[in-house]
């Protein structure tokens, strides 16, 4: 459930960090995934990020928690995007498969 903790052990590479600008068109559209009740990154941040990026689409997960870990629908959309660059339909929403508690 805490698979993202592995990132804490990655070596820091200061010169590899991208500091913007964030509104440039990319060669491929970007997929942003936001959860409606995420305590760490509020849903409003996902909507603002999607608008700020030059070429992005938002996939909404109606649920609680962080990082879309409890949604098979979102996992499938993310996998499809990474393998084929195909985005979900505009306004696409996924449910949450397990409750956080």
PDB file of N, CA and C in Angstrom:
ATOM      1  N   UNK A   1       0.819  -1.197   0.000  1.00  0.00           N
ATOM      2  CA  UNK A   1       0.000   0.000   0.000  1.00  0.00           C
ATOM      3  C   UNK A   1       0.858   1.254   0.000  1.00  0.00           C
ATOM      4  N   UNK A   2       2.101   1.156   0.430  1.00  0.00           N
ATOM      5  CA  UNK A   2       2.955   2.332   0.480  1.00  0.00           C
ATOM      6  C   UNK A   2       4.109   2.192  -0.505  1.00  0.00           C
ATOM      7  N   UNK A   3       3.812   1.801  -1.734  1.00  0.00           N
ATOM      8  CA  UNK A   3       4.850   1.550  -2.730  1.00  0.00           C
ATOM      9  C   UNK A   3       5.639   2.796  -3.086  1.00  0.00           C
ATOM     10  N   UNK A   4       5.053   3.976  -2.921  1.00  0.00           N
ATOM     11  CA  UNK A   4       5.765   5.202  -3.255  1.00  0.00           C
ATOM     12  C   UNK A   4       6.903   5.514  -2.290  1.00  0.00           C
ATOM     13  N   UNK A   5       6.995   4.822  -1.156  1.00  0.00           N
ATOM     14  CA  UNK A   5       8.077   5.051  -0.211  1.00  0.00           C
ATOM     15  C   UNK A   5       9.434   4.666  -0.792  1.00  0.00           C
ATOM     16  N   UNK A   6       9.454   3.843  -1.802  1.00  0.00           N
ATOM     17  CA  UNK A   6      10.719   3.475  -2.440  1.00  0.00           C
ATOM     18  C   UNK A   6      11.439   4.694  -2.994  1.00  0.00           C
ATOM     19  N   UNK A   7      10.707   5.725  -3.361  1.00  0.00           N
ATOM     20  CA  UNK A   7      11.322   6.936  -3.910  1.00  0.00           C
ATOM     21  C   UNK A   7      12.280   7.583  -2.919  1.00  0.00           C
ATOM     22  N   UNK A   8      12.054   7.402  -1.635  1.00  0.00           N
ATOM     23  CA  UNK A   8      12.897   8.019  -0.616  1.00  0.00           C
ATOM     24  C   UNK A   8      14.323   7.494  -0.668  1.00  0.00           C
ATOM     25  N   UNK A   9      14.532   6.325  -1.266  1.00  0.00           N
ATOM     26  CA  UNK A   9      15.872   5.747  -1.315  1.00  0.00           C
ATOM     27  C   UNK A   9      16.592   6.044  -2.628  1.00  0.00           C
ATOM     28  N   UNK A  10      15.933   6.733  -3.554  1.00  0.00           N
ATOM     29  CA  UNK A  10      16.576   7.065  -4.818  1.00  0.00           C
ATOM     30  C   UNK A  10      17.670   8.094  -4.588  1.00  0.00           C
ATOM     31  N   UNK A  11      18.764   8.016  -5.313  1.00  0.00           N
ATOM     32  CA  UNK A  11      19.817   9.025  -5.150  1.00  0.00           C
ATOM     33  C   UNK A  11      19.347  10.379  -5.695  1.00  0.00           C
ATOM     34  N   UNK A  12      19.766  11.440  -5.027  1.00  0.00           N
ATOM     35  CA  UNK A  12      19.405  12.796  -5.455  1.00  0.00           C
ATOM     36  C   UNK A  12      20.303  13.211  -6.614  1.00  0.00           C
ATOM     37  N   UNK A  13      19.685  13.736  -7.670  1.00  0.00           N
ATOM     38  CA  UNK A  13      20.430  14.240  -8.813  1.00  0.00           C
ATOM     39  C   UNK A  13      19.941  15.659  -9.061  1.00  0.00           C
ATOM     40  N   UNK A  14      20.615  16.619  -8.465  1.00  0.00           N
ATOM     41  CA  UNK A  14      20.160  18.010  -8.481  1.00  0.00           C
ATOM     42  C   UNK A  14      20.060  18.580  -9.886  1.00  0.00           C
ATOM     43  N   UNK A  15      21.004  18.282 -10.767  1.00  0.00           N
ATOM     44  CA  UNK A  15      20.986  18.901 -12.083  1.00  0.00           C
ATOM     45  C   UNK A  15      19.964  18.262 -13.026  1.00  0.00           C
ATOM     46  N   UNK A  16      19.305  17.191 -12.620  1.00  0.00           N
ATOM     47  CA  UNK A  16      18.298  16.549 -13.449  1.00  0.00           C
ATOM     48  C   UNK A  16      16.895  17.097 -13.190  1.00  0.00           C
ATOM     49  N   UNK A  17      16.766  17.967 -12.215  1.00  0.00           N
ATOM     50  CA  UNK A  17      15.448  18.507 -11.848  1.00  0.00           C
ATOM     51  C   UNK A  17      14.978  19.524 -12.883  1.00  0.00           C
ATOM     52  N   UNK A  18      13.731  19.412 -13.302  1.00  0.00           N
ATOM     53  CA  UNK A  18      13.143  20.382 -14.217  1.00  0.00           C
ATOM     54  C   UNK A  18      12.404  21.432 -13.404  1.00  0.00           C
ATOM     55  N   UNK A  19      12.723  22.686 -13.614  1.00  0.00           N
ATOM     56  CA  UNK A  19      12.136  23.774 -12.827  1.00  0.00           C
ATOM     57  C   UNK A  19      11.205  24.650 -13.646  1.00  0.00           C
ATOM     58  N   UNK A  20      10.734  24.168 -14.753  1.00  0.00           N
ATOM     59  CA  UNK A  20       9.776  24.920 -15.557  1.00  0.00           C
ATOM     60  C   UNK A  20      10.444  25.462 -16.812  1.00  0.00           C
ATOM     61  N   UNK A  21       9.693  26.176 -17.624  1.00  0.00           N
ATOM     62  CA  UNK A  21       8.294  26.565 -17.456  1.00  0.00           C
ATOM     63  C   UNK A  21       7.359  25.373 -17.642  1.00  0.00           C
ATOM     64  N   UNK A  22       6.183  25.488 -17.077  1.00  0.00           N
ATOM     65  CA  UNK A  22       5.247  24.368 -17.028  1.00  0.00           C
ATOM     66  C   UNK A  22       4.150  24.453 -18.076  1.00  0.00           C
ATOM     67  N   UNK A  23       4.136  25.483 -18.882  1.00  0.00           N
ATOM     68  CA  UNK A  23       3.040  25.666 -19.825  1.00  0.00           C
ATOM     69  C   UNK A  23       3.447  25.400 -21.273  1.00  0.00           C
ATOM     70  N   UNK A  24       4.509  24.657 -21.503  1.00  0.00           N
ATOM     71  CA  UNK A  24       4.952  24.353 -22.861  1.00  0.00           C
ATOM     72  C   UNK A  24       4.267  23.091 -23.372  1.00  0.00           C
ATOM     73  N   UNK A  25       3.996  23.089 -24.676  1.00  0.00           N
ATOM     74  CA  UNK A  25       3.392  21.893 -25.263  1.00  0.00           C
ATOM     75  C   UNK A  25       4.400  20.765 -25.251  1.00  0.00           C
ATOM     76  N   UNK A  26       3.920  19.587 -24.978  1.00  0.00           N
ATOM     77  CA  UNK A  26       4.764  18.404 -24.957  1.00  0.00           C
ATOM     78  C   UNK A  26       4.499  17.583 -26.216  1.00  0.00           C
ATOM     79  N   UNK A  27       5.418  16.712 -26.546  1.00  0.00           N
ATOM     80  CA  UNK A  27       5.234  15.880 -27.733  1.00  0.00           C
ATOM     81  C   UNK A  27       4.075  14.906 -27.561  1.00  0.00           C
ATOM     82  N   UNK A  28       3.798  14.529 -26.332  1.00  0.00           N
ATOM     83  CA  UNK A  28       2.669  13.645 -26.027  1.00  0.00           C
ATOM     84  C   UNK A  28       1.820  14.329 -24.958  1.00  0.00           C
ATOM     85  N   UNK A  29       0.510  14.143 -25.003  1.00  0.00           N
ATOM     86  CA  UNK A  29      -0.324  14.722 -23.942  1.00  0.00           C
ATOM     87  C   UNK A  29       0.002  14.063 -22.604  1.00  0.00           C
ATOM     88  N   UNK A  30      -0.191  14.811 -21.532  1.00  0.00           N
ATOM     89  CA  UNK A  30       0.104  14.324 -20.187  1.00  0.00           C
ATOM     90  C   UNK A  30      -1.170  13.867 -19.491  1.00  0.00           C
ATOM     91  N   UNK A  31      -1.064  12.832 -18.701  1.00  0.00           N
ATOM     92  CA  UNK A  31      -2.180  12.340 -17.907  1.00  0.00           C
ATOM     93  C   UNK A  31      -1.989  12.785 -16.468  1.00  0.00           C
ATOM     94  N   UNK A  32      -2.960  13.512 -15.945  1.00  0.00           N
ATOM     95  CA  UNK A  32      -2.976  13.926 -14.544  1.00  0.00           C
ATOM     96  C   UNK A  32      -4.082  13.125 -13.871  1.00  0.00           C
ATOM     97  N   UNK A  33      -3.781  12.507 -12.742  1.00  0.00           N
ATOM     98  CA  UNK A  33      -4.780  11.748 -11.989  1.00  0.00           C
ATOM     99  C   UNK A  33      -4.990  12.436 -10.655  1.00  0.00           C
ATOM    100  N   UNK A  34      -6.227  12.799 -10.360  1.00  0.00           N
ATOM    101  CA  UNK A  34      -6.547  13.458  -9.103  1.00  0.00           C
ATOM    102  C   UNK A  34      -7.674  12.753  -8.382  1.00  0.00           C
ATOM    103  N   UNK A  35      -7.535  12.644  -7.094  1.00  0.00           N
ATOM    104  CA  UNK A  35      -8.536  11.993  -6.265  1.00  0.00           C
ATOM    105  C   UNK A  35      -9.340  13.068  -5.536  1.00  0.00           C
ATOM    106  N   UNK A  36     -10.658  12.925  -5.515  1.00  0.00           N
ATOM    107  CA  UNK A  36     -11.512  13.988  -4.979  1.00  0.00           C
ATOM    108  C   UNK A  36     -11.289  14.264  -3.499  1.00  0.00           C
ATOM    109  N   UNK A  37     -10.894  13.266  -2.725  1.00  0.00           N
ATOM    110  CA  UNK A  37     -10.674  13.474  -1.286  1.00  0.00           C
ATOM    111  C   UNK A  37      -9.288  12.980  -0.884  1.00  0.00           C
ATOM    112  N   UNK A  38      -8.267  13.588  -1.481  1.00  0.00           N
ATOM    113  CA  UNK A  38      -6.877  13.253  -1.185  1.00  0.00           C
ATOM    114  C   UNK A  38      -6.372  14.224  -0.119  1.00  0.00           C
ATOM    115  N   UNK A  39      -5.981  13.733   1.049  1.00  0.00           N
ATOM    116  CA  UNK A  39      -5.564  14.627   2.123  1.00  0.00           C
ATOM    117  C   UNK A  39      -4.204  15.286   1.878  1.00  0.00           C
ATOM    118  N   UNK A  40      -3.375  14.709   1.028  1.00  0.00           N
ATOM    119  CA  UNK A  40      -2.036  15.255   0.787  1.00  0.00           C
ATOM    120  C   UNK A  40      -2.012  16.229  -0.394  1.00  0.00           C
ATOM    121  N   UNK A  41      -2.729  15.906  -1.444  1.00  0.00           N
ATOM    122  CA  UNK A  41      -2.789  16.773  -2.617  1.00  0.00           C
ATOM    123  C   UNK A  41      -4.256  16.979  -2.987  1.00  0.00           C
ATOM    124  N   UNK A  42      -4.837  18.072  -2.548  1.00  0.00           N
ATOM    125  CA  UNK A  42      -6.258  18.320  -2.793  1.00  0.00           C
ATOM    126  C   UNK A  42      -6.613  18.259  -4.278  1.00  0.00           C
ATOM    127  N   UNK A  43      -7.826  17.863  -4.550  1.00  0.00           N
ATOM    128  CA  UNK A  43      -8.311  17.724  -5.928  1.00  0.00           C
ATOM    129  C   UNK A  43      -8.153  19.024  -6.704  1.00  0.00           C
ATOM    130  N   UNK A  44      -8.322  20.148  -6.030  1.00  0.00           N
ATOM    131  CA  UNK A  44      -8.175  21.440  -6.708  1.00  0.00           C
ATOM    132  C   UNK A  44      -6.779  21.593  -7.305  1.00  0.00           C
ATOM    133  N   UNK A  45      -5.777  20.994  -6.680  1.00  0.00           N
ATOM    134  CA  UNK A  45      -4.416  21.063  -7.230  1.00  0.00           C
ATOM    135  C   UNK A  45      -4.336  20.303  -8.554  1.00  0.00           C
ATOM    136  N   UNK A  46      -5.029  19.190  -8.660  1.00  0.00           N
ATOM    137  CA  UNK A  46      -5.034  18.418  -9.907  1.00  0.00           C
ATOM    138  C   UNK A  46      -5.719  19.198 -11.024  1.00  0.00           C
ATOM    139  N   UNK A  47      -6.821  19.869 -10.693  1.00  0.00           N
ATOM    140  CA  UNK A  47      -7.519  20.642 -11.729  1.00  0.00           C
ATOM    141  C   UNK A  47      -6.680  21.838 -12.170  1.00  0.00           C
ATOM    142  N   UNK A  48      -6.032  22.504 -11.226  1.00  0.00           N
ATOM    143  CA  UNK A  48      -5.175  23.651 -11.574  1.00  0.00           C
ATOM    144  C   UNK A  48      -3.963  23.203 -12.379  1.00  0.00           C
ATOM    145  N   UNK A  49      -3.339  22.090 -11.993  1.00  0.00           N
ATOM    146  CA  UNK A  49      -2.187  21.576 -12.721  1.00  0.00           C
ATOM    147  C   UNK A  49      -2.564  21.229 -14.153  1.00  0.00           C
ATOM    148  N   UNK A  50      -3.685  20.569 -14.327  1.00  0.00           N
ATOM    149  CA  UNK A  50      -4.141  20.189 -15.659  1.00  0.00           C
ATOM    150  C   UNK A  50      -4.333  21.425 -16.531  1.00  0.00           C
ATOM    151  N   UNK A  51      -4.901  22.479 -15.952  1.00  0.00           N
ATOM    152  CA  UNK A  51      -5.116  23.719 -16.698  1.00  0.00           C
ATOM    153  C   UNK A  51      -3.791  24.419 -17.004  1.00  0.00           C
ATOM    154  N   UNK A  52      -2.850  24.346 -16.073  1.00  0.00           N
ATOM    155  CA  UNK A  52      -1.572  25.036 -16.238  1.00  0.00           C
ATOM    156  C   UNK A  52      -0.656  24.355 -17.251  1.00  0.00           C
ATOM    157  N   UNK A  53      -0.699  23.055 -17.306  1.00  0.00           N
ATOM    158  CA  UNK A  53       0.137  22.327 -18.267  1.00  0.00           C
ATOM    159  C   UNK A  53      -0.352  22.622 -19.687  1.00  0.00           C
ATOM    160  N   UNK A  54       0.534  22.608 -20.624  1.00  0.00           N
ATOM    161  CA  UNK A  54       0.159  22.968 -21.986  1.00  0.00           C
ATOM    162  C   UNK A  54      -0.647  21.925 -22.732  1.00  0.00           C
ATOM    163  N   UNK A  55      -0.562  20.664 -22.334  1.00  0.00           N
ATOM    164  CA  UNK A  55      -1.173  19.584 -23.098  1.00  0.00           C
ATOM    165  C   UNK A  55      -1.483  18.429 -22.143  1.00  0.00           C
ATOM    166  N   UNK A  56      -2.574  18.525 -21.400  1.00  0.00           N
ATOM    167  CA  UNK A  56      -2.857  17.525 -20.361  1.00  0.00           C
ATOM    168  C   UNK A  56      -4.340  17.227 -20.265  1.00  0.00           C
ATOM    169  N   UNK A  57      -4.637  16.070 -19.676  1.00  0.00           N
ATOM    170  CA  UNK A  57      -6.020  15.675 -19.407  1.00  0.00           C
ATOM    171  C   UNK A  57      -6.101  15.108 -17.998  1.00  0.00           C
ATOM    172  N   UNK A  58      -7.183  15.416 -17.320  1.00  0.00           N
ATOM    173  CA  UNK A  58      -7.400  14.982 -15.942  1.00  0.00           C
ATOM    174  C   UNK A  58      -8.296  13.753 -15.900  1.00  0.00           C
ATOM    175  N   UNK A  59      -7.852  12.747 -15.155  1.00  0.00           N
ATOM    176  CA  UNK A  59      -8.672  11.590 -14.818  1.00  0.00           C
ATOM    177  C   UNK A  59      -9.032  11.743 -13.345  1.00  0.00           C
ATOM    178  N   UNK A  60     -10.306  11.791 -13.049  1.00  0.00           N
ATOM    179  CA  UNK A  60     -10.778  11.983 -11.676  1.00  0.00           C
ATOM    180  C   UNK A  60     -11.116  10.646 -11.039  1.00  0.00           C
ATOM    181  N   UNK A  61     -10.628  10.455  -9.817  1.00  0.00           N
ATOM    182  CA  UNK A  61     -11.023   9.298  -9.019  1.00  0.00           C
ATOM    183  C   UNK A  61     -11.923   9.810  -7.904  1.00  0.00           C
ATOM    184  N   UNK A  62     -13.131   9.330  -7.871  1.00  0.00           N
ATOM    185  CA  UNK A  62     -14.061   9.699  -6.801  1.00  0.00           C
ATOM    186  C   UNK A  62     -13.771   8.805  -5.608  1.00  0.00           C
ATOM    187  N   UNK A  63     -12.999   9.349  -4.651  1.00  0.00           N
ATOM    188  CA  UNK A  63     -12.650   8.531  -3.501  1.00  0.00           C
ATOM    189  C   UNK A  63     -11.693   9.217  -2.559  1.00  0.00           C
ATOM    190  N   UNK A  64     -11.272   8.461  -1.569  1.00  0.00           N
ATOM    191  CA  UNK A  64     -10.409   8.941  -0.492  1.00  0.00           C
ATOM    192  C   UNK A  64      -9.032   8.317  -0.620  1.00  0.00           C
ATOM    193  N   UNK A  65      -8.040   8.982  -0.058  1.00  0.00           N
ATOM    194  CA  UNK A  65      -6.686   8.446  -0.040  1.00  0.00           C
ATOM    195  C   UNK A  65      -5.759   9.232  -0.939  1.00  0.00           C
ATOM    196  N   UNK A  66      -4.571   8.657  -1.156  1.00  0.00           N
ATOM    197  CA  UNK A  66      -3.533   9.355  -1.900  1.00  0.00           C
ATOM    198  C   UNK A  66      -2.960   8.456  -2.987  1.00  0.00           C
ATOM    199  N   UNK A  67      -2.718   9.016  -4.143  1.00  0.00           N
ATOM    200  CA  UNK A  67      -2.013   8.352  -5.250  1.00  0.00           C
ATOM    201  C   UNK A  67      -2.814   7.292  -5.990  1.00  0.00           C
ATOM    202  N   UNK A  68      -4.081   7.322  -5.980  1.00  0.00           N
ATOM    203  CA  UNK A  68      -4.939   6.440  -6.788  1.00  0.00           C
ATOM    204  C   UNK A  68      -4.643   4.961  -6.600  1.00  0.00           C
ATOM    205  N   UNK A  69      -4.226   4.564  -5.426  1.00  0.00           N
ATOM    206  CA  UNK A  69      -3.837   3.178  -5.199  1.00  0.00           C
ATOM    207  C   UNK A  69      -5.010   2.213  -5.129  1.00  0.00           C
ATOM    208  N   UNK A  70      -6.185   2.684  -4.852  1.00  0.00           N
ATOM    209  CA  UNK A  70      -7.319   1.782  -4.630  1.00  0.00           C
ATOM    210  C   UNK A  70      -8.335   1.841  -5.766  1.00  0.00           C
ATOM    211  N   UNK A  71      -7.866   2.000  -7.004  1.00  0.00           N
ATOM    212  CA  UNK A  71      -8.781   2.075  -8.133  1.00  0.00           C
ATOM    213  C   UNK A  71      -8.226   1.275  -9.313  1.00  0.00           C
ATOM    214  N   UNK A  72      -8.869   0.153  -9.599  1.00  0.00           N
ATOM    215  CA  UNK A  72      -8.473  -0.661 -10.744  1.00  0.00           C
ATOM    216  C   UNK A  72      -8.713   0.120 -12.029  1.00  0.00           C
ATOM    217  N   UNK A  73      -9.784   0.869 -12.075  1.00  0.00           N
ATOM    218  CA  UNK A  73     -10.108   1.688 -13.245  1.00  0.00           C
ATOM    219  C   UNK A  73      -8.969   2.662 -13.546  1.00  0.00           C
ATOM    220  N   UNK A  74      -8.485   3.351 -12.530  1.00  0.00           N
ATOM    221  CA  UNK A  74      -7.385   4.307 -12.722  1.00  0.00           C
ATOM    222  C   UNK A  74      -6.093   3.587 -13.099  1.00  0.00           C
ATOM    223  N   UNK A  75      -5.850   2.443 -12.499  1.00  0.00           N
ATOM    224  CA  UNK A  75      -4.643   1.674 -12.827  1.00  0.00           C
ATOM    225  C   UNK A  75      -4.662   1.255 -14.296  1.00  0.00           C
ATOM    226  N   UNK A  76      -5.809   0.838 -14.789  1.00  0.00           N
ATOM    227  CA  UNK A  76      -5.930   0.437 -16.191  1.00  0.00           C
ATOM    228  C   UNK A  76      -5.728   1.632 -17.122  1.00  0.00           C
ATOM    229  N   UNK A  77      -6.297   2.775 -16.744  1.00  0.00           N
ATOM    230  CA  UNK A  77      -6.131   3.987 -17.556  1.00  0.00           C
ATOM    231  C   UNK A  77      -4.677   4.431 -17.575  1.00  0.00           C
ATOM    232  N   UNK A  78      -4.020   4.364 -16.428  1.00  0.00           N
ATOM    233  CA  UNK A  78      -2.605   4.739 -16.331  1.00  0.00           C
ATOM    234  C   UNK A  78      -1.750   3.794 -17.181  1.00  0.00           C
ATOM    235  N   UNK A  79      -2.009   2.495 -17.098  1.00  0.00           N
ATOM    236  CA  UNK A  79      -1.260   1.513 -17.875  1.00  0.00           C
ATOM    237  C   UNK A  79      -1.466   1.733 -19.368  1.00  0.00           C
ATOM    238  N   UNK A  80      -2.701   1.958 -19.774  1.00  0.00           N
ATOM    239  CA  UNK A  80      -3.004   2.188 -21.187  1.00  0.00           C
ATOM    240  C   UNK A  80      -2.278   3.430 -21.692  1.00  0.00           C
ATOM    241  N   UNK A  81      -2.264   4.479 -20.864  1.00  0.00           N
ATOM    242  CA  UNK A  81      -1.572   5.707 -21.239  1.00  0.00           C
ATOM    243  C   UNK A  81      -0.066   5.461 -21.395  1.00  0.00           C
ATOM    244  N   UNK A  82       0.532   4.773 -20.436  1.00  0.00           N
ATOM    245  CA  UNK A  82       1.980   4.543 -20.477  1.00  0.00           C
ATOM    246  C   UNK A  82       2.392   3.651 -21.649  1.00  0.00           C
ATOM    247  N   UNK A  83       1.540   2.720 -22.026  1.00  0.00           N
ATOM    248  CA  UNK A  83       1.873   1.801 -23.107  1.00  0.00           C
ATOM    249  C   UNK A  83       1.527   2.335 -24.493  1.00  0.00           C
ATOM    250  N   UNK A  84       0.466   3.137 -24.582  1.00  0.00           N
ATOM    251  CA  UNK A  84      -0.018   3.558 -25.897  1.00  0.00           C
ATOM    252  C   UNK A  84      -0.153   5.070 -26.068  1.00  0.00           C
ATOM    253  N   UNK A  85       0.028   5.824 -24.991  1.00  0.00           N
ATOM    254  CA  UNK A  85      -0.187   7.284 -24.970  1.00  0.00           C
ATOM    255  C   UNK A  85      -1.654   7.660 -25.181  1.00  0.00           C
ATOM    256  N   UNK A  86      -2.537   6.707 -25.074  1.00  0.00           N
ATOM    257  CA  UNK A  86      -3.961   7.002 -25.237  1.00  0.00           C
ATOM    258  C   UNK A  86      -4.540   7.466 -23.913  1.00  0.00           C
ATOM    259  N   UNK A  87      -5.150   8.640 -23.951  1.00  0.00           N
ATOM    260  CA  UNK A  87      -5.747   9.227 -22.751  1.00  0.00           C
ATOM    261  C   UNK A  87      -7.179   8.748 -22.562  1.00  0.00           C
ATOM    262  N   UNK A  88      -7.666   8.774 -21.321  1.00  0.00           N
ATOM    263  CA  UNK A  88      -9.095   8.523 -21.116  1.00  0.00           C
ATOM    264  C   UNK A  88      -9.906   9.659 -21.756  1.00  0.00           C
ATOM    265  N   UNK A  89     -11.175   9.429 -21.959  1.00  0.00           N
ATOM    266  CA  UNK A  89     -12.041  10.459 -22.531  1.00  0.00           C
ATOM    267  C   UNK A  89     -12.059  11.699 -21.643  1.00  0.00           C
ATOM    268  N   UNK A  90     -12.258  12.883 -22.229  1.00  0.00           N
ATOM    269  CA  UNK A  90     -12.385  14.092 -21.410  1.00  0.00           C
ATOM    270  C   UNK A  90     -13.492  13.928 -20.372  1.00  0.00           C
ATOM    271  N   UNK A  91     -13.209  14.335 -19.161  1.00  0.00           N
ATOM    272  CA  UNK A  91     -14.197  14.227 -18.083  1.00  0.00           C
ATOM    273  C   UNK A  91     -14.312  12.837 -17.478  1.00  0.00           C
ATOM    274  N   UNK A  92     -13.421  11.917 -17.849  1.00  0.00           N
ATOM    275  CA  UNK A  92     -13.494  10.538 -17.348  1.00  0.00           C
ATOM    276  C   UNK A  92     -13.338  10.496 -15.831  1.00  0.00           C
ATOM    277  N   UNK A  93     -14.095   9.592 -15.219  1.00  0.00           N
ATOM    278  CA  UNK A  93     -14.058   9.426 -13.769  1.00  0.00           C
ATOM    279  C   UNK A  93     -13.964   7.943 -13.450  1.00  0.00           C
ATOM    280  N   UNK A  94     -13.259   7.656 -12.367  1.00  0.00           N
ATOM    281  CA  UNK A  94     -13.137   6.279 -11.875  1.00  0.00           C
ATOM    282  C   UNK A  94     -13.629   6.235 -10.435  1.00  0.00           C
ATOM    283  N   UNK A  95     -14.068   5.072 -10.027  1.00  0.00           N
ATOM    284  CA  UNK A  95     -14.449   4.869  -8.641  1.00  0.00           C
ATOM    285  C   UNK A  95     -13.291   4.302  -7.847  1.00  0.00           C
ATOM    286  N   UNK A  96     -13.506   4.229  -6.564  1.00  0.00           N
ATOM    287  CA  UNK A  96     -12.526   3.644  -5.651  1.00  0.00           C
ATOM    288  C   UNK A  96     -13.009   2.248  -5.306  1.00  0.00           C
ATOM    289  N   UNK A  97     -12.100   1.272  -5.333  1.00  0.00           N
ATOM    290  CA  UNK A  97     -12.481  -0.119  -5.130  1.00  0.00           C
ATOM    291  C   UNK A  97     -12.488  -0.548  -3.679  1.00  0.00           C
ATOM    292  N   UNK A  98     -11.666   0.055  -2.856  1.00  0.00           N
ATOM    293  CA  UNK A  98     -11.629  -0.292  -1.429  1.00  0.00           C
ATOM    294  C   UNK A  98     -11.702   0.971  -0.589  1.00  0.00           C
ATOM    295  N   UNK A  99     -12.328   0.852   0.539  1.00  0.00           N
ATOM    296  CA  UNK A  99     -12.435   1.990   1.466  1.00  0.00           C
ATOM    297  C   UNK A  99     -11.107   2.187   2.170  1.00  0.00           C
ATOM    298  N   UNK A 100     -10.807   3.425   2.575  1.00  0.00           N
ATOM    299  CA  UNK A 100      -9.525   3.674   3.218  1.00  0.00           C
ATOM    300  C   UNK A 100      -9.428   3.132   4.649  1.00  0.00           C
ATOM    301  N   UNK A 101     -10.525   2.839   5.263  1.00  0.00           N
ATOM    302  CA  UNK A 101     -10.503   2.381   6.672  1.00  0.00           C
ATOM    303  C   UNK A 101     -11.229   1.061   6.819  1.00  0.00           C
TER     304      UNK A 101
END
